[in-house]
Amino acid sequence: MIHGLTIYHFLTVSTLMFFIGVTGFIIRQNLITILLSVELILNSVVINFLVFNRFLYPDQLQGHFFSLFIIGIAAAEASIAIALIINIYRRIHNINADNVNEMKY
């Protein structure tokens, strides 16, 4: 227990973040908000790794290493996605997900 917080508090926050991210990914049409939803999902996974590492194996660092790996992957994914979104905007002057199929031509 960390200052009165149990594992259930952290898992509740992580679960809310995950489902807000999934909902945003499904509902939204803007590519930037879809990217932010994916980042929310990845951050909830990072919280899960850190919490389970802290409460189950406090003397080991596997959860921290996995979290750093996920943060690195998220940074690379965000930079590639932003580059693609900028390219889409330059071509069709719109960043809605419905208009992305026009980039094929």
PDB file of N, CA and C in Angstrom:
ATOM      1  N   MET A   1       0.843  -1.169   0.000  1.00  0.00           N
ATOM      2  CA  MET A   1       0.000   0.000   0.000  1.00  0.00           C
ATOM      3  C   MET A   1       0.891   1.236   0.000  1.00  0.00           C
ATOM      4  N   ILE A   2       0.632   2.165  -0.907  1.00  0.00           N
ATOM      5  CA  ILE A   2       1.421   3.381  -1.043  1.00  0.00           C
ATOM      6  C   ILE A   2       0.590   4.545  -0.506  1.00  0.00           C
ATOM      7  N   HIS A   3       0.880   4.973   0.708  1.00  0.00           N
ATOM      8  CA  HIS A   3       0.211   6.125   1.333  1.00  0.00           C
ATOM      9  C   HIS A   3      -1.304   6.027   1.256  1.00  0.00           C
ATOM     10  N   GLY A   4      -1.855   4.885   1.589  1.00  0.00           N
ATOM     11  CA  GLY A   4      -3.301   4.705   1.608  1.00  0.00           C
ATOM     12  C   GLY A   4      -3.908   4.277   0.286  1.00  0.00           C
ATOM     13  N   LEU A   5      -3.114   4.212  -0.764  1.00  0.00           N
ATOM     14  CA  LEU A   5      -3.624   3.795  -2.067  1.00  0.00           C
ATOM     15  C   LEU A   5      -3.352   2.304  -2.250  1.00  0.00           C
ATOM     16  N   THR A   6      -4.377   1.595  -2.629  1.00  0.00           N
ATOM     17  CA  THR A   6      -4.205   0.172  -2.878  1.00  0.00           C
ATOM     18  C   THR A   6      -4.068  -0.069  -4.377  1.00  0.00           C
ATOM     19  N   ILE A   7      -3.859  -1.322  -4.726  1.00  0.00           N
ATOM     20  CA  ILE A   7      -3.722  -1.683  -6.141  1.00  0.00           C
ATOM     21  C   ILE A   7      -5.019  -1.407  -6.898  1.00  0.00           C
ATOM     22  N   TYR A   8      -6.135  -1.471  -6.212  1.00  0.00           N
ATOM     23  CA  TYR A   8      -7.426  -1.257  -6.860  1.00  0.00           C
ATOM     24  C   TYR A   8      -7.592   0.188  -7.318  1.00  0.00           C
ATOM     25  N   HIS A   9      -7.039   1.136  -6.588  1.00  0.00           N
ATOM     26  CA  HIS A   9      -7.109   2.531  -7.007  1.00  0.00           C
ATOM     27  C   HIS A   9      -6.367   2.739  -8.330  1.00  0.00           C
ATOM     28  N   PHE A  10      -5.165   2.199  -8.403  1.00  0.00           N
ATOM     29  CA  PHE A  10      -4.373   2.344  -9.620  1.00  0.00           C
ATOM     30  C   PHE A  10      -5.005   1.609 -10.793  1.00  0.00           C
ATOM     31  N   LEU A  11      -5.528   0.423 -10.537  1.00  0.00           N
ATOM     32  CA  LEU A  11      -6.163  -0.332 -11.628  1.00  0.00           C
ATOM     33  C   LEU A  11      -7.452   0.326 -12.095  1.00  0.00           C
ATOM     34  N   THR A  12      -8.149   0.997 -11.201  1.00  0.00           N
ATOM     35  CA  THR A  12      -9.353   1.730 -11.602  1.00  0.00           C
ATOM     36  C   THR A  12      -8.993   2.876 -12.540  1.00  0.00           C
ATOM     37  N   VAL A  13      -7.967   3.632 -12.190  1.00  0.00           N
ATOM     38  CA  VAL A  13      -7.518   4.728 -13.050  1.00  0.00           C
ATOM     39  C   VAL A  13      -7.045   4.189 -14.394  1.00  0.00           C
ATOM     40  N   SER A  14      -6.299   3.107 -14.370  1.00  0.00           N
ATOM     41  CA  SER A  14      -5.793   2.513 -15.601  1.00  0.00           C
ATOM     42  C   SER A  14      -6.927   1.984 -16.478  1.00  0.00           C
ATOM     43  N   THR A  15      -7.907   1.359 -15.860  1.00  0.00           N
ATOM     44  CA  THR A  15      -9.049   0.842 -16.624  1.00  0.00           C
ATOM     45  C   THR A  15      -9.846   1.972 -17.250  1.00  0.00           C
ATOM     46  N   LEU A  16     -10.069   3.051 -16.490  1.00  0.00           N
ATOM     47  CA  LEU A  16     -10.782   4.207 -17.045  1.00  0.00           C
ATOM     48  C   LEU A  16     -10.020   4.808 -18.218  1.00  0.00           C
ATOM     49  N   MET A  17      -8.701   4.950 -18.069  1.00  0.00           N
ATOM     50  CA  MET A  17      -7.897   5.480 -19.164  1.00  0.00           C
ATOM     51  C   MET A  17      -7.978   4.584 -20.394  1.00  0.00           C
ATOM     52  N   PHE A  18      -7.921   3.275 -20.183  1.00  0.00           N
ATOM     53  CA  PHE A  18      -7.967   2.346 -21.306  1.00  0.00           C
ATOM     54  C   PHE A  18      -9.294   2.455 -22.057  1.00  0.00           C
ATOM     55  N   PHE A  19     -10.401   2.463 -21.325  1.00  0.00           N
ATOM     56  CA  PHE A  19     -11.693   2.494 -22.003  1.00  0.00           C
ATOM     57  C   PHE A  19     -12.012   3.863 -22.586  1.00  0.00           C
ATOM     58  N   ILE A  20     -11.510   4.939 -21.998  1.00  0.00           N
ATOM     59  CA  ILE A  20     -11.643   6.257 -22.627  1.00  0.00           C
ATOM     60  C   ILE A  20     -10.866   6.271 -23.940  1.00  0.00           C
ATOM     61  N   GLY A  21      -9.675   5.666 -23.942  1.00  0.00           N
ATOM     62  CA  GLY A  21      -8.883   5.586 -25.168  1.00  0.00           C
ATOM     63  C   GLY A  21      -9.551   4.747 -26.244  1.00  0.00           C
ATOM     64  N   VAL A  22     -10.107   3.601 -25.868  1.00  0.00           N
ATOM     65  CA  VAL A  22     -10.801   2.748 -26.846  1.00  0.00           C
ATOM     66  C   VAL A  22     -12.034   3.460 -27.391  1.00  0.00           C
ATOM     67  N   THR A  23     -12.774   4.122 -26.506  1.00  0.00           N
ATOM     68  CA  THR A  23     -13.958   4.856 -26.951  1.00  0.00           C
ATOM     69  C   THR A  23     -13.582   5.984 -27.892  1.00  0.00           C
ATOM     70  N   GLY A  24     -12.535   6.726 -27.561  1.00  0.00           N
ATOM     71  CA  GLY A  24     -12.079   7.802 -28.444  1.00  0.00           C
ATOM     72  C   GLY A  24     -11.587   7.281 -29.774  1.00  0.00           C
ATOM     73  N   PHE A  25     -10.935   6.133 -29.758  1.00  0.00           N
ATOM     74  CA  PHE A  25     -10.446   5.545 -31.011  1.00  0.00           C
ATOM     75  C   PHE A  25     -11.603   5.130 -31.913  1.00  0.00           C
ATOM     76  N   ILE A  26     -12.660   4.599 -31.334  1.00  0.00           N
ATOM     77  CA  ILE A  26     -13.790   4.119 -32.124  1.00  0.00           C
ATOM     78  C   ILE A  26     -14.684   5.262 -32.592  1.00  0.00           C
ATOM     79  N   ILE A  27     -14.941   6.229 -31.726  1.00  0.00           N
ATOM     80  CA  ILE A  27     -15.945   7.257 -32.016  1.00  0.00           C
ATOM     81  C   ILE A  27     -15.392   8.408 -32.849  1.00  0.00           C
ATOM     82  N   ARG A  28     -14.204   8.861 -32.558  1.00  0.00           N
ATOM     83  CA  ARG A  28     -13.672  10.078 -33.181  1.00  0.00           C
ATOM     84  C   ARG A  28     -13.321   9.870 -34.647  1.00  0.00           C
ATOM     85  N   GLN A  29     -13.381  10.975 -35.411  1.00  0.00           N
ATOM     86  CA  GLN A  29     -13.030  10.957 -36.824  1.00  0.00           C
ATOM     87  C   GLN A  29     -11.723  11.672 -37.116  1.00  0.00           C
ATOM     88  N   ASN A  30     -11.311  12.585 -36.228  1.00  0.00           N
ATOM     89  CA  ASN A  30     -10.099  13.358 -36.420  1.00  0.00           C
ATOM     90  C   ASN A  30      -8.886  12.468 -36.133  1.00  0.00           C
ATOM     91  N   LEU A  31      -7.898  12.510 -37.005  1.00  0.00           N
ATOM     92  CA  LEU A  31      -6.732  11.644 -36.846  1.00  0.00           C
ATOM     93  C   LEU A  31      -5.896  12.011 -35.624  1.00  0.00           C
ATOM     94  N   ILE A  32      -5.868  13.286 -35.250  1.00  0.00           N
ATOM     95  CA  ILE A  32      -5.110  13.695 -34.064  1.00  0.00           C
ATOM     96  C   ILE A  32      -5.753  13.112 -32.807  1.00  0.00           C
ATOM     97  N   THR A  33      -7.075  13.160 -32.712  1.00  0.00           N
ATOM     98  CA  THR A  33      -7.729  12.601 -31.526  1.00  0.00           C
ATOM     99  C   THR A  33      -7.629  11.076 -31.502  1.00  0.00           C
ATOM    100  N   ILE A  34      -7.580  10.453 -32.653  1.00  0.00           N
ATOM    101  CA  ILE A  34      -7.355   9.006 -32.701  1.00  0.00           C
ATOM    102  C   ILE A  34      -5.950   8.687 -32.193  1.00  0.00           C
ATOM    103  N   LEU A  35      -4.970   9.487 -32.586  1.00  0.00           N
ATOM    104  CA  LEU A  35      -3.600   9.301 -32.099  1.00  0.00           C
ATOM    105  C   LEU A  35      -3.542   9.502 -30.586  1.00  0.00           C
ATOM    106  N   LEU A  36      -4.216  10.515 -30.073  1.00  0.00           N
ATOM    107  CA  LEU A  36      -4.236  10.740 -28.629  1.00  0.00           C
ATOM    108  C   LEU A  36      -4.917   9.591 -27.898  1.00  0.00           C
ATOM    109  N   SER A  37      -5.923   8.992 -28.507  1.00  0.00           N
ATOM    110  CA  SER A  37      -6.588   7.849 -27.893  1.00  0.00           C
ATOM    111  C   SER A  37      -5.652   6.647 -27.810  1.00  0.00           C
ATOM    112  N   VAL A  38      -4.869   6.439 -28.836  1.00  0.00           N
ATOM    113  CA  VAL A  38      -3.888   5.343 -28.805  1.00  0.00           C
ATOM    114  C   VAL A  38      -2.835   5.607 -27.725  1.00  0.00           C
ATOM    115  N   GLU A  39      -2.427   6.855 -27.580  1.00  0.00           N
ATOM    116  CA  GLU A  39      -1.473   7.197 -26.527  1.00  0.00           C
ATOM    117  C   GLU A  39      -2.072   6.958 -25.143  1.00  0.00           C
ATOM    118  N   LEU A  40      -3.352   7.251 -24.970  1.00  0.00           N
ATOM    119  CA  LEU A  40      -4.018   6.966 -23.697  1.00  0.00           C
ATOM    120  C   LEU A  40      -4.018   5.476 -23.397  1.00  0.00           C
ATOM    121  N   ILE A  41      -4.270   4.670 -24.408  1.00  0.00           N
ATOM    122  CA  ILE A  41      -4.259   3.218 -24.227  1.00  0.00           C
ATOM    123  C   ILE A  41      -2.865   2.747 -23.816  1.00  0.00           C
ATOM    124  N   LEU A  42      -1.838   3.254 -24.477  1.00  0.00           N
ATOM    125  CA  LEU A  42      -0.478   2.852 -24.134  1.00  0.00           C
ATOM    126  C   LEU A  42      -0.092   3.316 -22.731  1.00  0.00           C
ATOM    127  N   ASN A  43      -0.530   4.502 -22.333  1.00  0.00           N
ATOM    128  CA  ASN A  43      -0.227   4.975 -20.982  1.00  0.00           C
ATOM    129  C   ASN A  43      -0.931   4.142 -19.920  1.00  0.00           C
ATOM    130  N   SER A  44      -2.118   3.659 -20.217  1.00  0.00           N
ATOM    131  CA  SER A  44      -2.785   2.788 -19.247  1.00  0.00           C
ATOM    132  C   SER A  44      -2.039   1.465 -19.098  1.00  0.00           C
ATOM    133  N   VAL A  45      -1.464   0.973 -20.175  1.00  0.00           N
ATOM    134  CA  VAL A  45      -0.661  -0.246 -20.106  1.00  0.00           C
ATOM    135  C   VAL A  45       0.599  -0.010 -19.271  1.00  0.00           C
ATOM    136  N   VAL A  46       1.212   1.159 -19.430  1.00  0.00           N
ATOM    137  CA  VAL A  46       2.392   1.495 -18.645  1.00  0.00           C
ATOM    138  C   VAL A  46       2.047   1.533 -17.160  1.00  0.00           C
ATOM    139  N   ILE A  47       0.904   2.119 -16.818  1.00  0.00           N
ATOM    140  CA  ILE A  47       0.481   2.160 -15.419  1.00  0.00           C
ATOM    141  C   ILE A  47       0.298   0.743 -14.884  1.00  0.00           C
ATOM    142  N   ASN A  48      -0.300  -0.127 -15.676  1.00  0.00           N
ATOM    143  CA  ASN A  48      -0.478  -1.518 -15.237  1.00  0.00           C
ATOM    144  C   ASN A  48       0.856  -2.208 -14.973  1.00  0.00           C
ATOM    145  N   PHE A  49       1.810  -2.049 -15.881  1.00  0.00           N
ATOM    146  CA  PHE A  49       3.122  -2.667 -15.668  1.00  0.00           C
ATOM    147  C   PHE A  49       3.770  -2.158 -14.390  1.00  0.00           C
ATOM    148  N   LEU A  50       3.723  -0.860 -14.170  1.00  0.00           N
ATOM    149  CA  LEU A  50       4.369  -0.297 -12.988  1.00  0.00           C
ATOM    150  C   LEU A  50       3.670  -0.713 -11.697  1.00  0.00           C
ATOM    151  N   VAL A  51       2.350  -0.739 -11.717  1.00  0.00           N
ATOM    152  CA  VAL A  51       1.603  -1.100 -10.511  1.00  0.00           C
ATOM    153  C   VAL A  51       1.820  -2.561 -10.155  1.00  0.00           C
ATOM    154  N   PHE A  52       1.705  -3.441 -11.135  1.00  0.00           N
ATOM    155  CA  PHE A  52       1.906  -4.853 -10.839  1.00  0.00           C
ATOM    156  C   PHE A  52       3.340  -5.136 -10.413  1.00  0.00           C
ATOM    157  N   ASN A  53       4.300  -4.432 -10.990  1.00  0.00           N
ATOM    158  CA  ASN A  53       5.676  -4.605 -10.556  1.00  0.00           C
ATOM    159  C   ASN A  53       5.851  -4.117  -9.118  1.00  0.00           C
ATOM    160  N   ARG A  54       5.263  -3.000  -8.787  1.00  0.00           N
ATOM    161  CA  ARG A  54       5.425  -2.425  -7.447  1.00  0.00           C
ATOM    162  C   ARG A  54       4.760  -3.285  -6.374  1.00  0.00           C
ATOM    163  N   PHE A  55       3.567  -3.797  -6.658  1.00  0.00           N
ATOM    164  CA  PHE A  55       2.845  -4.537  -5.639  1.00  0.00           C
ATOM    165  C   PHE A  55       3.211  -6.020  -5.582  1.00  0.00           C
ATOM    166  N   LEU A  56       3.582  -6.624  -6.702  1.00  0.00           N
ATOM    167  CA  LEU A  56       3.888  -8.049  -6.695  1.00  0.00           C
ATOM    168  C   LEU A  56       5.376  -8.344  -6.497  1.00  0.00           C
ATOM    169  N   TYR A  57       6.229  -7.567  -7.164  1.00  0.00           N
ATOM    170  CA  TYR A  57       7.676  -7.809  -7.090  1.00  0.00           C
ATOM    171  C   TYR A  57       8.397  -6.478  -6.849  1.00  0.00           C
ATOM    172  N   PRO A  58       8.320  -5.923  -5.652  1.00  0.00           N
ATOM    173  CA  PRO A  58       8.889  -4.589  -5.427  1.00  0.00           C
ATOM    174  C   PRO A  58      10.413  -4.527  -5.519  1.00  0.00           C
ATOM    175  N   ASP A  59      11.092  -5.657  -5.415  1.00  0.00           N
ATOM    176  CA  ASP A  59      12.550  -5.644  -5.479  1.00  0.00           C
ATOM    177  C   ASP A  59      13.092  -5.885  -6.882  1.00  0.00           C
ATOM    178  N   GLN A  60      12.229  -6.095  -7.859  1.00  0.00           N
ATOM    179  CA  GLN A  60      12.665  -6.344  -9.229  1.00  0.00           C
ATOM    180  C   GLN A  60      12.239  -5.179 -10.120  1.00  0.00           C
ATOM    181  N   LEU A  61      12.848  -5.079 -11.289  1.00  0.00           N
ATOM    182  CA  LEU A  61      12.622  -3.926 -12.161  1.00  0.00           C
ATOM    183  C   LEU A  61      12.069  -4.292 -13.538  1.00  0.00           C
ATOM    184  N   GLN A  62      11.508  -5.475 -13.703  1.00  0.00           N
ATOM    185  CA  GLN A  62      11.007  -5.863 -15.023  1.00  0.00           C
ATOM    186  C   GLN A  62       9.891  -4.933 -15.493  1.00  0.00           C
ATOM    187  N   GLY A  63       8.999  -4.538 -14.606  1.00  0.00           N
ATOM    188  CA  GLY A  63       7.907  -3.639 -14.982  1.00  0.00           C
ATOM    189  C   GLY A  63       8.413  -2.290 -15.439  1.00  0.00           C
ATOM    190  N   HIS A  64       9.479  -1.814 -14.819  1.00  0.00           N
ATOM    191  CA  HIS A  64      10.063  -0.536 -15.212  1.00  0.00           C
ATOM    192  C   HIS A  64      10.696  -0.626 -16.597  1.00  0.00           C
ATOM    193  N   PHE A  65      11.379  -1.723 -16.874  1.00  0.00           N
ATOM    194  CA  PHE A  65      11.998  -1.885 -18.187  1.00  0.00           C
ATOM    195  C   PHE A  65      10.947  -2.009 -19.295  1.00  0.00           C
ATOM    196  N   PHE A  66       9.888  -2.760 -19.034  1.00  0.00           N
ATOM    197  CA  PHE A  66       8.808  -2.853 -20.017  1.00  0.00           C
ATOM    198  C   PHE A  66       8.155  -1.496 -20.232  1.00  0.00           C
ATOM    199  N   SER A  67       8.010  -0.730 -19.170  1.00  0.00           N
ATOM    200  CA  SER A  67       7.408   0.596 -19.279  1.00  0.00           C
ATOM    201  C   SER A  67       8.274   1.528 -20.114  1.00  0.00           C
ATOM    202  N   LEU A  68       9.574   1.490 -19.899  1.00  0.00           N
ATOM    203  CA  LEU A  68      10.472   2.311 -20.719  1.00  0.00           C
ATOM    204  C   LEU A  68      10.422   1.897 -22.185  1.00  0.00           C
ATOM    205  N   PHE A  69      10.332   0.601 -22.438  1.00  0.00           N
ATOM    206  CA  PHE A  69      10.221   0.115 -23.808  1.00  0.00           C
ATOM    207  C   PHE A  69       8.926   0.614 -24.454  1.00  0.00           C
ATOM    208  N   ILE A  70       7.819   0.558 -23.710  1.00  0.00           N
ATOM    209  CA  ILE A  70       6.533   1.016 -24.252  1.00  0.00           C
ATOM    210  C   ILE A  70       6.556   2.522 -24.499  1.00  0.00           C
ATOM    211  N   ILE A  71       7.185   3.278 -23.612  1.00  0.00           N
ATOM    212  CA  ILE A  71       7.275   4.725 -23.803  1.00  0.00           C
ATOM    213  C   ILE A  71       8.094   5.045 -25.052  1.00  0.00           C
ATOM    214  N   GLY A  72       9.166   4.303 -25.280  1.00  0.00           N
ATOM    215  CA  GLY A  72       9.964   4.492 -26.496  1.00  0.00           C
ATOM    216  C   GLY A  72       9.193   4.151 -27.752  1.00  0.00           C
ATOM    217  N   ILE A  73       8.447   3.053 -27.712  1.00  0.00           N
ATOM    218  CA  ILE A  73       7.609   2.676 -28.856  1.00  0.00           C
ATOM    219  C   ILE A  73       6.531   3.728 -29.096  1.00  0.00           C
ATOM    220  N   ALA A  74       5.943   4.257 -28.027  1.00  0.00           N
ATOM    221  CA  ALA A  74       4.896   5.275 -28.164  1.00  0.00           C
ATOM    222  C   ALA A  74       5.458   6.559 -28.766  1.00  0.00           C
ATOM    223  N   ALA A  75       6.680   6.913 -28.398  1.00  0.00           N
ATOM    224  CA  ALA A  75       7.289   8.111 -28.966  1.00  0.00           C
ATOM    225  C   ALA A  75       7.565   7.927 -30.459  1.00  0.00           C
ATOM    226  N   ALA A  76       8.076   6.762 -30.836  1.00  0.00           N
ATOM    227  CA  ALA A  76       8.322   6.492 -32.255  1.00  0.00           C
ATOM    228  C   ALA A  76       7.008   6.452 -33.033  1.00  0.00           C
ATOM    229  N   GLU A  77       6.004   5.829 -32.454  1.00  0.00           N
ATOM    230  CA  GLU A  77       4.690   5.756 -33.107  1.00  0.00           C
ATOM    231  C   GLU A  77       4.080   7.135 -33.276  1.00  0.00           C
ATOM    232  N   ALA A  78       4.225   7.978 -32.280  1.00  0.00           N
ATOM    233  CA  ALA A  78       3.656   9.327 -32.359  1.00  0.00           C
ATOM    234  C   ALA A  78       4.367  10.164 -33.417  1.00  0.00           C
ATOM    235  N   SER A  79       5.684  10.043 -33.507  1.00  0.00           N
ATOM    236  CA  SER A  79       6.401  10.834 -34.507  1.00  0.00           C
ATOM    237  C   SER A  79       6.063  10.384 -35.925  1.00  0.00           C
ATOM    238  N   ILE A  80       5.946   9.092 -36.138  1.00  0.00           N
ATOM    239  CA  ILE A  80       5.565   8.594 -37.467  1.00  0.00           C
ATOM    240  C   ILE A  80       4.126   8.987 -37.795  1.00  0.00           C
ATOM    241  N   ALA A  81       3.237   8.880 -36.814  1.00  0.00           N
ATOM    242  CA  ALA A  81       1.838   9.236 -37.052  1.00  0.00           C
ATOM    243  C   ALA A  81       1.686  10.723 -37.347  1.00  0.00           C
ATOM    244  N   ILE A  82       2.411  11.573 -36.629  1.00  0.00           N
ATOM    245  CA  ILE A  82       2.346  13.013 -36.893  1.00  0.00           C
ATOM    246  C   ILE A  82       2.876  13.319 -38.294  1.00  0.00           C
ATOM    247  N   ALA A  83       3.944  12.649 -38.701  1.00  0.00           N
ATOM    248  CA  ALA A  83       4.469  12.850 -40.058  1.00  0.00           C
ATOM    249  C   ALA A  83       3.439  12.434 -41.105  1.00  0.00           C
ATOM    250  N   LEU A  84       2.755  11.313 -40.885  1.00  0.00           N
ATOM    251  CA  LEU A  84       1.720  10.878 -41.824  1.00  0.00           C
ATOM    252  C   LEU A  84       0.538  11.844 -41.845  1.00  0.00           C
ATOM    253  N   ILE A  85       0.151  12.337 -40.675  1.00  0.00           N
ATOM    254  CA  ILE A  85      -0.975  13.272 -40.609  1.00  0.00           C
ATOM    255  C   ILE A  85      -0.628  14.579 -41.323  1.00  0.00           C
ATOM    256  N   ILE A  86       0.606  15.053 -41.175  1.00  0.00           N
ATOM    257  CA  ILE A  86       1.029  16.266 -41.885  1.00  0.00           C
ATOM    258  C   ILE A  86       0.999  16.027 -43.388  1.00  0.00           C
ATOM    259  N   ASN A  87       1.458  14.852 -43.839  1.00  0.00           N
ATOM    260  CA  ASN A  87       1.431  14.533 -45.265  1.00  0.00           C
ATOM    261  C   ASN A  87      -0.006  14.453 -45.784  1.00  0.00           C
ATOM    262  N   ILE A  88      -0.889  13.872 -45.001  1.00  0.00           N
ATOM    263  CA  ILE A  88      -2.303  13.802 -45.399  1.00  0.00           C
ATOM    264  C   ILE A  88      -2.895  15.197 -45.499  1.00  0.00           C
ATOM    265  N   TYR A  89      -2.592  16.044 -44.532  1.00  0.00           N
ATOM    266  CA  TYR A  89      -3.139  17.400 -44.561  1.00  0.00           C
ATOM    267  C   TYR A  89      -2.616  18.190 -45.759  1.00  0.00           C
ATOM    268  N   ARG A  90      -1.352  17.992 -46.108  1.00  0.00           N
ATOM    269  CA  ARG A  90      -0.800  18.703 -47.266  1.00  0.00           C
ATOM    270  C   ARG A  90      -1.457  18.269 -48.566  1.00  0.00           C
ATOM    271  N   ARG A  91      -1.852  17.000 -48.649  1.00  0.00           N
ATOM    272  CA  ARG A  91      -2.455  16.500 -49.884  1.00  0.00           C
ATOM    273  C   ARG A  91      -3.933  16.840 -50.014  1.00  0.00           C
ATOM    274  N   ILE A  92      -4.710  16.636 -48.961  1.00  0.00           N
ATOM    275  CA  ILE A  92      -6.165  16.770 -49.094  1.00  0.00           C
ATOM    276  C   ILE A  92      -6.757  17.858 -48.209  1.00  0.00           C
ATOM    277  N   HIS A  93      -5.935  18.581 -47.459  1.00  0.00           N
ATOM    278  CA  HIS A  93      -6.365  19.708 -46.617  1.00  0.00           C
ATOM    279  C   HIS A  93      -7.459  19.339 -45.640  1.00  0.00           C
ATOM    280  N   ASN A  94      -7.391  18.127 -45.124  1.00  0.00           N
ATOM    281  CA  ASN A  94      -8.370  17.645 -44.151  1.00  0.00           C
ATOM    282  C   ASN A  94      -7.732  16.462 -43.418  1.00  0.00           C
ATOM    283  N   ILE A  95      -8.022  16.342 -42.121  1.00  0.00           N
ATOM    284  CA  ILE A  95      -7.442  15.230 -41.370  1.00  0.00           C
ATOM    285  C   ILE A  95      -8.513  14.335 -40.761  1.00  0.00           C
ATOM    286  N   ASN A  96      -9.660  14.255 -41.394  1.00  0.00           N
ATOM    287  CA  ASN A  96     -10.686  13.317 -40.943  1.00  0.00           C
ATOM    288  C   ASN A  96     -10.362  11.924 -41.464  1.00  0.00           C
ATOM    289  N   ALA A  97     -10.675  10.933 -40.662  1.00  0.00           N
ATOM    290  CA  ALA A  97     -10.350   9.560 -41.030  1.00  0.00           C
ATOM    291  C   ALA A  97     -11.146   9.085 -42.242  1.00  0.00           C
ATOM    292  N   ASP A  98     -12.299   9.677 -42.487  1.00  0.00           N
ATOM    293  CA  ASP A  98     -13.106   9.278 -43.642  1.00  0.00           C
ATOM    294  C   ASP A  98     -12.443   9.650 -44.965  1.00  0.00           C
ATOM    295  N   ASN A  99     -11.625  10.676 -44.968  1.00  0.00           N
ATOM    296  CA  ASN A  99     -11.023  11.163 -46.208  1.00  0.00           C
ATOM    297  C   ASN A  99      -9.656  10.552 -46.497  1.00  0.00           C
ATOM    298  N   VAL A 100      -9.180   9.667 -45.660  1.00  0.00           N
ATOM    299  CA  VAL A 100      -7.844   9.099 -45.842  1.00  0.00           C
ATOM    300  C   VAL A 100      -7.792   8.177 -47.049  1.00  0.00           C
ATOM    301  N   ASN A 101      -8.889   7.573 -47.438  1.00  0.00           N
ATOM    302  CA  ASN A 101      -8.872   6.678 -48.590  1.00  0.00           C
ATOM    303  C   ASN A 101      -8.583   7.432 -49.887  1.00  0.00           C
ATOM    304  N   GLU A 102      -8.669   8.754 -49.895  1.00  0.00           N
ATOM    305  CA  GLU A 102      -8.357   9.534 -51.079  1.00  0.00           C
ATOM    306  C   GLU A 102      -6.862   9.613 -51.337  1.00  0.00           C
ATOM    307  N   MET A 103      -6.035   9.243 -50.374  1.00  0.00           N
ATOM    308  CA  MET A 103      -4.594   9.324 -50.554  1.00  0.00           C
ATOM    309  C   MET A 103      -4.069   8.249 -51.477  1.00  0.00           C
ATOM    310  N   LYS A 104      -4.870   7.257 -51.788  1.00  0.00           N
ATOM    311  CA  LYS A 104      -4.413   6.170 -52.646  1.00  0.00           C
ATOM    312  C   LYS A 104      -4.170   6.645 -54.079  1.00  0.00           C
ATOM    313  N   TYR A 105      -4.844   7.683 -54.507  1.00  0.00           N
ATOM    314  CA  TYR A 105      -4.808   8.090 -55.919  1.00  0.00           C
ATOM    315  C   TYR A 105      -3.823   9.193 -56.175  1.00  0.00           C
TER     316      TYR A 105
END
